[in-house]
């Protein structure tokens, strides 16, 4: 599976798929890590605008990317989350590791 992303001003925006489950988490992790190794990224942004479902594999993928960014001094944030994804962040503790923005750059 190919994911959409945008590189801009030392930032990498990852468009999270509709369902972030075991299979898509593996693919997203591999592609994100490849991009982080290739480019000088200081801000990793996960855009949940189109995401309706996330399971424990997605949570694990997010935690791993946070740890990777800590090693390089970068930051991770999440944007455009619906109520279901916000609840998953709260229950899993991801909200303590990842800065949550209500909207995107324009807002």
PDB file of N, CA and C in Angstrom:
ATOM      1  N   UNK A   1       0.835  -1.167   0.000  1.00  0.00           N
ATOM      2  CA  UNK A   1       0.000   0.000   0.000  1.00  0.00           C
ATOM      3  C   UNK A   1       0.889   1.243   0.000  1.00  0.00           C
ATOM      4  N   UNK A   2       0.571   2.192  -0.834  1.00  0.00           N
ATOM      5  CA  UNK A   2       1.308   3.452  -0.921  1.00  0.00           C
ATOM      6  C   UNK A   2       0.510   4.517  -0.172  1.00  0.00           C
ATOM      7  N   UNK A   3       1.206   5.258   0.672  1.00  0.00           N
ATOM      8  CA  UNK A   3       0.562   6.289   1.475  1.00  0.00           C
ATOM      9  C   UNK A   3       0.917   7.663   0.943  1.00  0.00           C
ATOM     10  N   UNK A   4       0.041   8.607   1.187  1.00  0.00           N
ATOM     11  CA  UNK A   4       0.300   9.984   0.787  1.00  0.00           C
ATOM     12  C   UNK A   4       1.087  10.679   1.892  1.00  0.00           C
ATOM     13  N   UNK A   5       2.024  11.497   1.472  1.00  0.00           N
ATOM     14  CA  UNK A   5       2.806  12.274   2.417  1.00  0.00           C
ATOM     15  C   UNK A   5       3.214  13.575   1.763  1.00  0.00           C
ATOM     16  N   UNK A   6       3.658  14.509   2.597  1.00  0.00           N
ATOM     17  CA  UNK A   6       4.107  15.813   2.106  1.00  0.00           C
ATOM     18  C   UNK A   6       5.336  16.222   2.916  1.00  0.00           C
ATOM     19  N   UNK A   7       6.383  16.601   2.206  1.00  0.00           N
ATOM     20  CA  UNK A   7       7.589  17.142   2.840  1.00  0.00           C
ATOM     21  C   UNK A   7       7.579  18.654   2.675  1.00  0.00           C
ATOM     22  N   UNK A   8       7.763  19.367   3.793  1.00  0.00           N
ATOM     23  CA  UNK A   8       7.735  20.830   3.719  1.00  0.00           C
ATOM     24  C   UNK A   8       8.432  21.400   4.944  1.00  0.00           C
ATOM     25  N   UNK A   9       9.429  22.244   4.731  1.00  0.00           N
ATOM     26  CA  UNK A   9      10.097  22.969   5.815  1.00  0.00           C
ATOM     27  C   UNK A   9      10.527  22.064   6.971  1.00  0.00           C
ATOM     28  N   UNK A  10      11.336  21.066   6.690  1.00  0.00           N
ATOM     29  CA  UNK A  10      11.830  20.112   7.691  1.00  0.00           C
ATOM     30  C   UNK A  10      10.713  19.340   8.384  1.00  0.00           C
ATOM     31  N   UNK A  11       9.545  19.291   7.756  1.00  0.00           N
ATOM     32  CA  UNK A  11       8.414  18.563   8.314  1.00  0.00           C
ATOM     33  C   UNK A  11       7.946  17.486   7.356  1.00  0.00           C
ATOM     34  N   UNK A  12       7.437  16.423   7.908  1.00  0.00           N
ATOM     35  CA  UNK A  12       6.869  15.328   7.119  1.00  0.00           C
ATOM     36  C   UNK A  12       5.449  15.106   7.594  1.00  0.00           C
ATOM     37  N   UNK A  13       4.489  15.320   6.699  1.00  0.00           N
ATOM     38  CA  UNK A  13       3.072  15.087   6.993  1.00  0.00           C
ATOM     39  C   UNK A  13       2.675  13.754   6.361  1.00  0.00           C
ATOM     40  N   UNK A  14       2.187  12.853   7.208  1.00  0.00           N
ATOM     41  CA  UNK A  14       1.727  11.535   6.766  1.00  0.00           C
ATOM     42  C   UNK A  14       0.207  11.526   6.809  1.00  0.00           C
ATOM     43  N   UNK A  15      -0.418  11.222   5.690  1.00  0.00           N
ATOM     44  CA  UNK A  15      -1.865  11.099   5.643  1.00  0.00           C
ATOM     45  C   UNK A  15      -2.208   9.669   6.074  1.00  0.00           C
ATOM     46  N   UNK A  16      -2.753   9.535   7.265  1.00  0.00           N
ATOM     47  CA  UNK A  16      -3.077   8.224   7.822  1.00  0.00           C
ATOM     48  C   UNK A  16      -4.267   7.645   7.045  1.00  0.00           C
ATOM     49  N   UNK A  17      -4.219   6.350   6.685  1.00  0.00           N
ATOM     50  CA  UNK A  17      -5.300   5.765   5.888  1.00  0.00           C
ATOM     51  C   UNK A  17      -6.608   5.651   6.670  1.00  0.00           C
ATOM     52  N   UNK A  18      -7.654   5.290   5.966  1.00  0.00           N
ATOM     53  CA  UNK A  18      -8.985   5.149   6.558  1.00  0.00           C
ATOM     54  C   UNK A  18      -8.974   4.167   7.724  1.00  0.00           C
ATOM     55  N   UNK A  19      -8.265   3.049   7.553  1.00  0.00           N
ATOM     56  CA  UNK A  19      -8.149   2.049   8.614  1.00  0.00           C
ATOM     57  C   UNK A  19      -6.684   1.805   8.919  1.00  0.00           C
ATOM     58  N   UNK A  20      -6.286   2.052  10.149  1.00  0.00           N
ATOM     59  CA  UNK A  20      -4.906   1.827  10.581  1.00  0.00           C
ATOM     60  C   UNK A  20      -4.898   0.550  11.410  1.00  0.00           C
ATOM     61  N   UNK A  21      -4.818  -0.595  10.702  1.00  0.00           N
ATOM     62  CA  UNK A  21      -4.834  -1.903  11.341  1.00  0.00           C
ATOM     63  C   UNK A  21      -3.471  -2.565  11.193  1.00  0.00           C
ATOM     64  N   UNK A  22      -3.395  -3.861  11.479  1.00  0.00           N
ATOM     65  CA  UNK A  22      -2.118  -4.574  11.461  1.00  0.00           C
ATOM     66  C   UNK A  22      -1.386  -4.421  10.127  1.00  0.00           C
ATOM     67  N   UNK A  23      -2.064  -4.690   9.036  1.00  0.00           N
ATOM     68  CA  UNK A  23      -1.408  -4.665   7.723  1.00  0.00           C
ATOM     69  C   UNK A  23      -0.998  -3.255   7.303  1.00  0.00           C
ATOM     70  N   UNK A  24      -1.904  -2.313   7.463  1.00  0.00           N
ATOM     71  CA  UNK A  24      -1.557  -0.942   7.052  1.00  0.00           C
ATOM     72  C   UNK A  24      -0.516  -0.328   7.992  1.00  0.00           C
ATOM     73  N   UNK A  25      -0.520  -0.718   9.271  1.00  0.00           N
ATOM     74  CA  UNK A  25       0.486  -0.207  10.209  1.00  0.00           C
ATOM     75  C   UNK A  25       1.887  -0.645   9.822  1.00  0.00           C
ATOM     76  N   UNK A  26       2.026  -1.896   9.390  1.00  0.00           N
ATOM     77  CA  UNK A  26       3.342  -2.389   8.959  1.00  0.00           C
ATOM     78  C   UNK A  26       3.853  -1.596   7.765  1.00  0.00           C
ATOM     79  N   UNK A  27       2.987  -1.415   6.780  1.00  0.00           N
ATOM     80  CA  UNK A  27       3.378  -0.666   5.579  1.00  0.00           C
ATOM     81  C   UNK A  27       3.688   0.790   5.911  1.00  0.00           C
ATOM     82  N   UNK A  28       2.833   1.406   6.735  1.00  0.00           N
ATOM     83  CA  UNK A  28       3.035   2.810   7.089  1.00  0.00           C
ATOM     84  C   UNK A  28       4.330   2.988   7.878  1.00  0.00           C
ATOM     85  N   UNK A  29       4.626   2.061   8.781  1.00  0.00           N
ATOM     86  CA  UNK A  29       5.865   2.121   9.561  1.00  0.00           C
ATOM     87  C   UNK A  29       7.082   2.054   8.650  1.00  0.00           C
ATOM     88  N   UNK A  30       7.091   1.107   7.731  1.00  0.00           N
ATOM     89  CA  UNK A  30       8.229   0.955   6.821  1.00  0.00           C
ATOM     90  C   UNK A  30       8.435   2.194   5.962  1.00  0.00           C
ATOM     91  N   UNK A  31       7.360   2.720   5.397  1.00  0.00           N
ATOM     92  CA  UNK A  31       7.483   3.887   4.534  1.00  0.00           C
ATOM     93  C   UNK A  31       7.869   5.138   5.312  1.00  0.00           C
ATOM     94  N   UNK A  32       7.298   5.300   6.502  1.00  0.00           N
ATOM     95  CA  UNK A  32       7.636   6.466   7.328  1.00  0.00           C
ATOM     96  C   UNK A  32       9.099   6.413   7.744  1.00  0.00           C
ATOM     97  N   UNK A  33       9.553   5.244   8.187  1.00  0.00           N
ATOM     98  CA  UNK A  33      10.952   5.109   8.598  1.00  0.00           C
ATOM     99  C   UNK A  33      11.908   5.372   7.438  1.00  0.00           C
ATOM    100  N   UNK A  34      11.552   4.918   6.249  1.00  0.00           N
ATOM    101  CA  UNK A  34      12.379   5.166   5.062  1.00  0.00           C
ATOM    102  C   UNK A  34      12.467   6.667   4.785  1.00  0.00           C
ATOM    103  N   UNK A  35      11.350   7.368   4.897  1.00  0.00           N
ATOM    104  CA  UNK A  35      11.343   8.812   4.668  1.00  0.00           C
ATOM    105  C   UNK A  35      12.141   9.541   5.745  1.00  0.00           C
ATOM    106  N   UNK A  36      12.027   9.094   6.991  1.00  0.00           N
ATOM    107  CA  UNK A  36      12.779   9.726   8.085  1.00  0.00           C
ATOM    108  C   UNK A  36      14.279   9.525   7.918  1.00  0.00           C
ATOM    109  N   UNK A  37      14.684   8.370   7.383  1.00  0.00           N
ATOM    110  CA  UNK A  37      16.110   8.118   7.134  1.00  0.00           C
ATOM    111  C   UNK A  37      16.620   8.932   5.940  1.00  0.00           C
ATOM    112  N   UNK A  38      15.757   9.179   4.974  1.00  0.00           N
ATOM    113  CA  UNK A  38      16.155   9.833   3.731  1.00  0.00           C
ATOM    114  C   UNK A  38      16.223  11.356   3.860  1.00  0.00           C
ATOM    115  N   UNK A  39      15.294  11.923   4.603  1.00  0.00           N
ATOM    116  CA  UNK A  39      15.189  13.384   4.693  1.00  0.00           C
ATOM    117  C   UNK A  39      15.459  13.860   6.115  1.00  0.00           C
ATOM    118  N   UNK A  40      15.888  15.093   6.226  1.00  0.00           N
ATOM    119  CA  UNK A  40      16.117  15.709   7.528  1.00  0.00           C
ATOM    120  C   UNK A  40      14.784  16.236   8.050  1.00  0.00           C
ATOM    121  N   UNK A  41      14.139  15.448   8.882  1.00  0.00           N
ATOM    122  CA  UNK A  41      12.807  15.782   9.370  1.00  0.00           C
ATOM    123  C   UNK A  41      12.884  16.130  10.848  1.00  0.00           C
ATOM    124  N   UNK A  42      12.371  17.284  11.200  1.00  0.00           N
ATOM    125  CA  UNK A  42      12.313  17.708  12.602  1.00  0.00           C
ATOM    126  C   UNK A  42      10.907  17.610  13.176  1.00  0.00           C
ATOM    127  N   UNK A  43       9.904  17.653  12.305  1.00  0.00           N
ATOM    128  CA  UNK A  43       8.512  17.570  12.735  1.00  0.00           C
ATOM    129  C   UNK A  43       7.790  16.504  11.930  1.00  0.00           C
ATOM    130  N   UNK A  44       7.268  15.521  12.632  1.00  0.00           N
ATOM    131  CA  UNK A  44       6.493  14.454  12.002  1.00  0.00           C
ATOM    132  C   UNK A  44       5.040  14.670  12.373  1.00  0.00           C
ATOM    133  N   UNK A  45       4.207  14.826  11.359  1.00  0.00           N
ATOM    134  CA  UNK A  45       2.794  15.133  11.567  1.00  0.00           C
ATOM    135  C   UNK A  45       1.956  14.002  10.994  1.00  0.00           C
ATOM    136  N   UNK A  46       1.124  13.405  11.829  1.00  0.00           N
ATOM    137  CA  UNK A  46       0.172  12.396  11.374  1.00  0.00           C
ATOM    138  C   UNK A  46      -1.172  13.077  11.204  1.00  0.00           C
ATOM    139  N   UNK A  47      -1.691  13.071   9.973  1.00  0.00           N
ATOM    140  CA  UNK A  47      -2.963  13.707   9.644  1.00  0.00           C
ATOM    141  C   UNK A  47      -4.038  12.625   9.583  1.00  0.00           C
ATOM    142  N   UNK A  48      -4.957  12.657  10.541  1.00  0.00           N
ATOM    143  CA  UNK A  48      -6.011  11.648  10.673  1.00  0.00           C
ATOM    144  C   UNK A  48      -7.317  12.082  10.015  1.00  0.00           C
ATOM    145  N   UNK A  49      -7.260  12.989   9.094  1.00  0.00           N
ATOM    146  CA  UNK A  49      -8.473  13.552   8.488  1.00  0.00           C
ATOM    147  C   UNK A  49      -9.398  12.469   7.910  1.00  0.00           C
ATOM    148  N   UNK A  50      -8.834  11.445   7.297  1.00  0.00           N
ATOM    149  CA  UNK A  50      -9.646  10.408   6.654  1.00  0.00           C
ATOM    150  C   UNK A  50      -9.721   9.117   7.450  1.00  0.00           C
ATOM    151  N   UNK A  51      -9.192   9.108   8.672  1.00  0.00           N
ATOM    152  CA  UNK A  51      -9.094   7.878   9.450  1.00  0.00           C
ATOM    153  C   UNK A  51     -10.351   7.648  10.284  1.00  0.00           C
ATOM    154  N   UNK A  52     -10.884   6.425  10.171  1.00  0.00           N
ATOM    155  CA  UNK A  52     -12.084   6.058  10.913  1.00  0.00           C
ATOM    156  C   UNK A  52     -11.814   4.963  11.940  1.00  0.00           C
ATOM    157  N   UNK A  53     -10.691   4.228  11.791  1.00  0.00           N
ATOM    158  CA  UNK A  53     -10.417   3.090  12.671  1.00  0.00           C
ATOM    159  C   UNK A  53      -8.923   2.983  12.938  1.00  0.00           C
ATOM    160  N   UNK A  54      -8.571   2.664  14.186  1.00  0.00           N
ATOM    161  CA  UNK A  54      -7.179   2.413  14.540  1.00  0.00           C
ATOM    162  C   UNK A  54      -7.169   1.370  15.647  1.00  0.00           C
ATOM    163  N   UNK A  55      -6.370   0.309  15.475  1.00  0.00           N
ATOM    164  CA  UNK A  55      -6.272  -0.719  16.504  1.00  0.00           C
ATOM    165  C   UNK A  55      -4.924  -0.638  17.212  1.00  0.00           C
ATOM    166  N   UNK A  56      -4.608  -1.641  18.019  1.00  0.00           N
ATOM    167  CA  UNK A  56      -3.384  -1.628  18.814  1.00  0.00           C
ATOM    168  C   UNK A  56      -2.129  -1.609  17.945  1.00  0.00           C
ATOM    169  N   UNK A  57      -2.200  -2.143  16.749  1.00  0.00           N
ATOM    170  CA  UNK A  57      -1.051  -2.089  15.839  1.00  0.00           C
ATOM    171  C   UNK A  57      -0.751  -0.647  15.448  1.00  0.00           C
ATOM    172  N   UNK A  58      -1.793   0.129  15.233  1.00  0.00           N
ATOM    173  CA  UNK A  58      -1.617   1.544  14.921  1.00  0.00           C
ATOM    174  C   UNK A  58      -1.041   2.304  16.098  1.00  0.00           C
ATOM    175  N   UNK A  59      -1.482   1.967  17.299  1.00  0.00           N
ATOM    176  CA  UNK A  59      -0.949   2.597  18.502  1.00  0.00           C
ATOM    177  C   UNK A  59       0.542   2.286  18.623  1.00  0.00           C
ATOM    178  N   UNK A  60       0.904   1.023  18.425  1.00  0.00           N
ATOM    179  CA  UNK A  60       2.310   0.623  18.500  1.00  0.00           C
ATOM    180  C   UNK A  60       3.163   1.321  17.456  1.00  0.00           C
ATOM    181  N   UNK A  61       2.629   1.469  16.248  1.00  0.00           N
ATOM    182  CA  UNK A  61       3.357   2.160  15.180  1.00  0.00           C
ATOM    183  C   UNK A  61       3.614   3.611  15.580  1.00  0.00           C
ATOM    184  N   UNK A  62       2.617   4.258  16.173  1.00  0.00           N
ATOM    185  CA  UNK A  62       2.762   5.652  16.597  1.00  0.00           C
ATOM    186  C   UNK A  62       3.815   5.766  17.700  1.00  0.00           C
ATOM    187  N   UNK A  63       3.794   4.874  18.672  1.00  0.00           N
ATOM    188  CA  UNK A  63       4.766   4.904  19.768  1.00  0.00           C
ATOM    189  C   UNK A  63       6.183   4.738  19.225  1.00  0.00           C
ATOM    190  N   UNK A  64       6.352   3.807  18.299  1.00  0.00           N
ATOM    191  CA  UNK A  64       7.670   3.589  17.704  1.00  0.00           C
ATOM    192  C   UNK A  64       8.202   4.804  16.971  1.00  0.00           C
ATOM    193  N   UNK A  65       7.344   5.509  16.257  1.00  0.00           N
ATOM    194  CA  UNK A  65       7.782   6.709  15.539  1.00  0.00           C
ATOM    195  C   UNK A  65       8.131   7.817  16.530  1.00  0.00           C
ATOM    196  N   UNK A  66       7.407   7.894  17.640  1.00  0.00           N
ATOM    197  CA  UNK A  66       7.748   8.881  18.681  1.00  0.00           C
ATOM    198  C   UNK A  66       9.143   8.621  19.224  1.00  0.00           C
ATOM    199  N   UNK A  67       9.443   7.367  19.502  1.00  0.00           N
ATOM    200  CA  UNK A  67      10.766   7.023  20.028  1.00  0.00           C
ATOM    201  C   UNK A  67      11.850   7.341  19.008  1.00  0.00           C
ATOM    202  N   UNK A  68      11.603   7.052  17.745  1.00  0.00           N
ATOM    203  CA  UNK A  68      12.578   7.373  16.697  1.00  0.00           C
ATOM    204  C   UNK A  68      12.830   8.878  16.620  1.00  0.00           C
ATOM    205  N   UNK A  69      11.774   9.661  16.720  1.00  0.00           N
ATOM    206  CA  UNK A  69      11.923  11.114  16.630  1.00  0.00           C
ATOM    207  C   UNK A  69      12.625  11.675  17.865  1.00  0.00           C
ATOM    208  N   UNK A  70      12.441  11.047  19.023  1.00  0.00           N
ATOM    209  CA  UNK A  70      13.142  11.489  20.233  1.00  0.00           C
ATOM    210  C   UNK A  70      14.654  11.383  20.056  1.00  0.00           C
ATOM    211  N   UNK A  71      15.100  10.325  19.386  1.00  0.00           N
ATOM    212  CA  UNK A  71      16.536  10.116  19.176  1.00  0.00           C
ATOM    213  C   UNK A  71      17.153  11.225  18.343  1.00  0.00           C
ATOM    214  N   UNK A  72      16.373  11.802  17.435  1.00  0.00           N
ATOM    215  CA  UNK A  72      16.898  12.838  16.547  1.00  0.00           C
ATOM    216  C   UNK A  72      16.537  14.248  17.022  1.00  0.00           C
ATOM    217  N   UNK A  73      15.833  14.349  18.132  1.00  0.00           N
ATOM    218  CA  UNK A  73      15.447  15.659  18.647  1.00  0.00           C
ATOM    219  C   UNK A  73      14.232  16.244  17.956  1.00  0.00           C
ATOM    220  N   UNK A  74      13.509  15.416  17.225  1.00  0.00           N
ATOM    221  CA  UNK A  74      12.325  15.886  16.520  1.00  0.00           C
ATOM    222  C   UNK A  74      11.066  15.765  17.359  1.00  0.00           C
ATOM    223  N   UNK A  75       9.972  16.240  16.812  1.00  0.00           N
ATOM    224  CA  UNK A  75       8.684  16.229  17.501  1.00  0.00           C
ATOM    225  C   UNK A  75       7.634  15.544  16.636  1.00  0.00           C
ATOM    226  N   UNK A  76       6.625  14.996  17.309  1.00  0.00           N
ATOM    227  CA  UNK A  76       5.524  14.322  16.631  1.00  0.00           C
ATOM    228  C   UNK A  76       4.224  14.997  17.040  1.00  0.00           C
ATOM    229  N   UNK A  77       3.350  15.190  16.066  1.00  0.00           N
ATOM    230  CA  UNK A  77       2.034  15.726  16.379  1.00  0.00           C
ATOM    231  C   UNK A  77       0.983  15.027  15.530  1.00  0.00           C
ATOM    232  N   UNK A  78      -0.261  15.140  15.975  1.00  0.00           N
ATOM    233  CA  UNK A  78      -1.400  14.553  15.273  1.00  0.00           C
ATOM    234  C   UNK A  78      -2.434  15.643  15.034  1.00  0.00           C
ATOM    235  N   UNK A  79      -3.096  15.547  13.890  1.00  0.00           N
ATOM    236  CA  UNK A  79      -4.087  16.556  13.509  1.00  0.00           C
ATOM    237  C   UNK A  79      -5.332  15.909  12.938  1.00  0.00           C
ATOM    238  N   UNK A  80      -6.412  16.671  12.958  1.00  0.00           N
ATOM    239  CA  UNK A  80      -7.670  16.322  12.300  1.00  0.00           C
ATOM    240  C   UNK A  80      -8.245  14.984  12.770  1.00  0.00           C
ATOM    241  N   UNK A  81      -8.256  14.759  14.069  1.00  0.00           N
ATOM    242  CA  UNK A  81      -8.774  13.503  14.602  1.00  0.00           C
ATOM    243  C   UNK A  81     -10.264  13.610  14.894  1.00  0.00           C
ATOM    244  N   UNK A  82     -11.005  12.553  14.538  1.00  0.00           N
ATOM    245  CA  UNK A  82     -12.412  12.515  14.909  1.00  0.00           C
ATOM    246  C   UNK A  82     -12.530  12.064  16.363  1.00  0.00           C
ATOM    247  N   UNK A  83     -13.723  12.019  16.892  1.00  0.00           N
ATOM    248  CA  UNK A  83     -13.945  11.679  18.306  1.00  0.00           C
ATOM    249  C   UNK A  83     -13.449  10.268  18.634  1.00  0.00           C
ATOM    250  N   UNK A  84     -13.626   9.325  17.717  1.00  0.00           N
ATOM    251  CA  UNK A  84     -13.196   7.942  17.961  1.00  0.00           C
ATOM    252  C   UNK A  84     -11.668   7.872  18.102  1.00  0.00           C
ATOM    253  N   UNK A  85     -10.947   8.538  17.211  1.00  0.00           N
ATOM    254  CA  UNK A  85      -9.488   8.521  17.260  1.00  0.00           C
ATOM    255  C   UNK A  85      -8.995   9.276  18.495  1.00  0.00           C
ATOM    256  N   UNK A  86      -9.651  10.374  18.837  1.00  0.00           N
ATOM    257  CA  UNK A  86      -9.287  11.109  20.053  1.00  0.00           C
ATOM    258  C   UNK A  86      -9.432  10.216  21.286  1.00  0.00           C
ATOM    259  N   UNK A  87     -10.490   9.425  21.326  1.00  0.00           N
ATOM    260  CA  UNK A  87     -10.715   8.527  22.464  1.00  0.00           C
ATOM    261  C   UNK A  87      -9.625   7.459  22.537  1.00  0.00           C
ATOM    262  N   UNK A  88      -9.212   6.938  21.388  1.00  0.00           N
ATOM    263  CA  UNK A  88      -8.133   5.949  21.351  1.00  0.00           C
ATOM    264  C   UNK A  88      -6.847   6.572  21.879  1.00  0.00           C
ATOM    265  N   UNK A  89      -6.556   7.802  21.480  1.00  0.00           N
ATOM    266  CA  UNK A  89      -5.365   8.504  21.979  1.00  0.00           C
ATOM    267  C   UNK A  89      -5.425   8.663  23.494  1.00  0.00           C
ATOM    268  N   UNK A  90      -6.588   9.012  24.007  1.00  0.00           N
ATOM    269  CA  UNK A  90      -6.743   9.223  25.440  1.00  0.00           C
ATOM    270  C   UNK A  90      -6.588   7.914  26.216  1.00  0.00           C
ATOM    271  N   UNK A  91      -7.269   6.876  25.780  1.00  0.00           N
ATOM    272  CA  UNK A  91      -7.238   5.595  26.495  1.00  0.00           C
ATOM    273  C   UNK A  91      -5.871   4.912  26.423  1.00  0.00           C
ATOM    274  N   UNK A  92      -5.157   5.115  25.323  1.00  0.00           N
ATOM    275  CA  UNK A  92      -3.860   4.456  25.141  1.00  0.00           C
ATOM    276  C   UNK A  92      -2.701   5.254  25.756  1.00  0.00           C
ATOM    277  N   UNK A  93      -2.944   6.513  26.071  1.00  0.00           N
ATOM    278  CA  UNK A  93      -1.881   7.363  26.596  1.00  0.00           C
ATOM    279  C   UNK A  93      -1.070   8.054  25.516  1.00  0.00           C
ATOM    280  N   UNK A  94      -1.443   7.886  24.247  1.00  0.00           N
ATOM    281  CA  UNK A  94      -0.716   8.551  23.162  1.00  0.00           C
ATOM    282  C   UNK A  94      -0.751  10.074  23.312  1.00  0.00           C
ATOM    283  N   UNK A  95      -1.812  10.593  23.913  1.00  0.00           N
ATOM    284  CA  UNK A  95      -1.929  12.044  24.084  1.00  0.00           C
ATOM    285  C   UNK A  95      -0.807  12.613  24.953  1.00  0.00           C
ATOM    286  N   UNK A  96      -0.139  11.757  25.727  1.00  0.00           N
ATOM    287  CA  UNK A  96       0.976  12.208  26.556  1.00  0.00           C
ATOM    288  C   UNK A  96       2.282  12.272  25.766  1.00  0.00           C
ATOM    289  N   UNK A  97       2.341  11.558  24.647  1.00  0.00           N
ATOM    290  CA  UNK A  97       3.558  11.487  23.840  1.00  0.00           C
ATOM    291  C   UNK A  97       3.502  12.368  22.601  1.00  0.00           C
ATOM    292  N   UNK A  98       2.304  12.608  22.121  1.00  0.00           N
ATOM    293  CA  UNK A  98       2.113  13.279  20.835  1.00  0.00           C
ATOM    294  C   UNK A  98       1.283  14.541  21.030  1.00  0.00           C
ATOM    295  N   UNK A  99       1.792  15.639  20.510  1.00  0.00           N
ATOM    296  CA  UNK A  99       1.053  16.897  20.571  1.00  0.00           C
ATOM    297  C   UNK A  99      -0.152  16.807  19.632  1.00  0.00           C
ATOM    298  N   UNK A 100      -1.310  17.173  20.143  1.00  0.00           N
ATOM    299  CA  UNK A 100      -2.530  17.096  19.362  1.00  0.00           C
ATOM    300  C   UNK A 100      -2.958  18.497  18.949  1.00  0.00           C
ATOM    301  N   UNK A 101      -3.094  18.666  17.648  1.00  0.00           N
ATOM    302  CA  UNK A 101      -3.549  19.947  17.078  1.00  0.00           C
ATOM    303  C   UNK A 101      -4.986  19.751  16.599  1.00  0.00           C
ATOM    304  N   UNK A 102      -5.802  20.752  16.816  1.00  0.00           N
ATOM    305  CA  UNK A 102      -7.192  20.679  16.386  1.00  0.00           C
ATOM    306  C   UNK A 102      -7.304  20.671  14.862  1.00  0.00           C
ATOM    307  N   UNK A 103      -6.523  21.509  14.205  1.00  0.00           N
ATOM    308  CA  UNK A 103      -6.612  21.628  12.762  1.00  0.00           C
ATOM    309  C   UNK A 103      -5.264  21.539  12.114  1.00  0.00           C
ATOM    310  N   UNK A 104      -5.216  21.952  10.869  1.00  0.00           N
ATOM    311  CA  UNK A 104      -3.965  21.933  10.126  1.00  0.00           C
ATOM    312  C   UNK A 104      -3.249  23.264  10.204  1.00  0.00           C
ATOM    313  N   UNK A 105      -2.301  23.468   9.301  1.00  0.00           N
ATOM    314  CA  UNK A 105      -1.498  24.687   9.281  1.00  0.00           C
ATOM    315  C   UNK A 105      -2.348  25.926   9.016  1.00  0.00           C
ATOM    316  N   UNK A 106      -3.399  25.759   8.215  1.00  0.00           N
ATOM    317  CA  UNK A 106      -4.199  26.907   7.806  1.00  0.00           C
ATOM    318  C   UNK A 106      -5.064  27.425   8.928  1.00  0.00           C
ATOM    319  N   UNK A 107      -5.414  26.572   9.883  1.00  0.00           N
ATOM    320  CA  UNK A 107      -6.363  26.970  10.929  1.00  0.00           C
ATOM    321  C   UNK A 107      -5.665  27.647  12.070  1.00  0.00           C
TER     322      UNK A 107
END
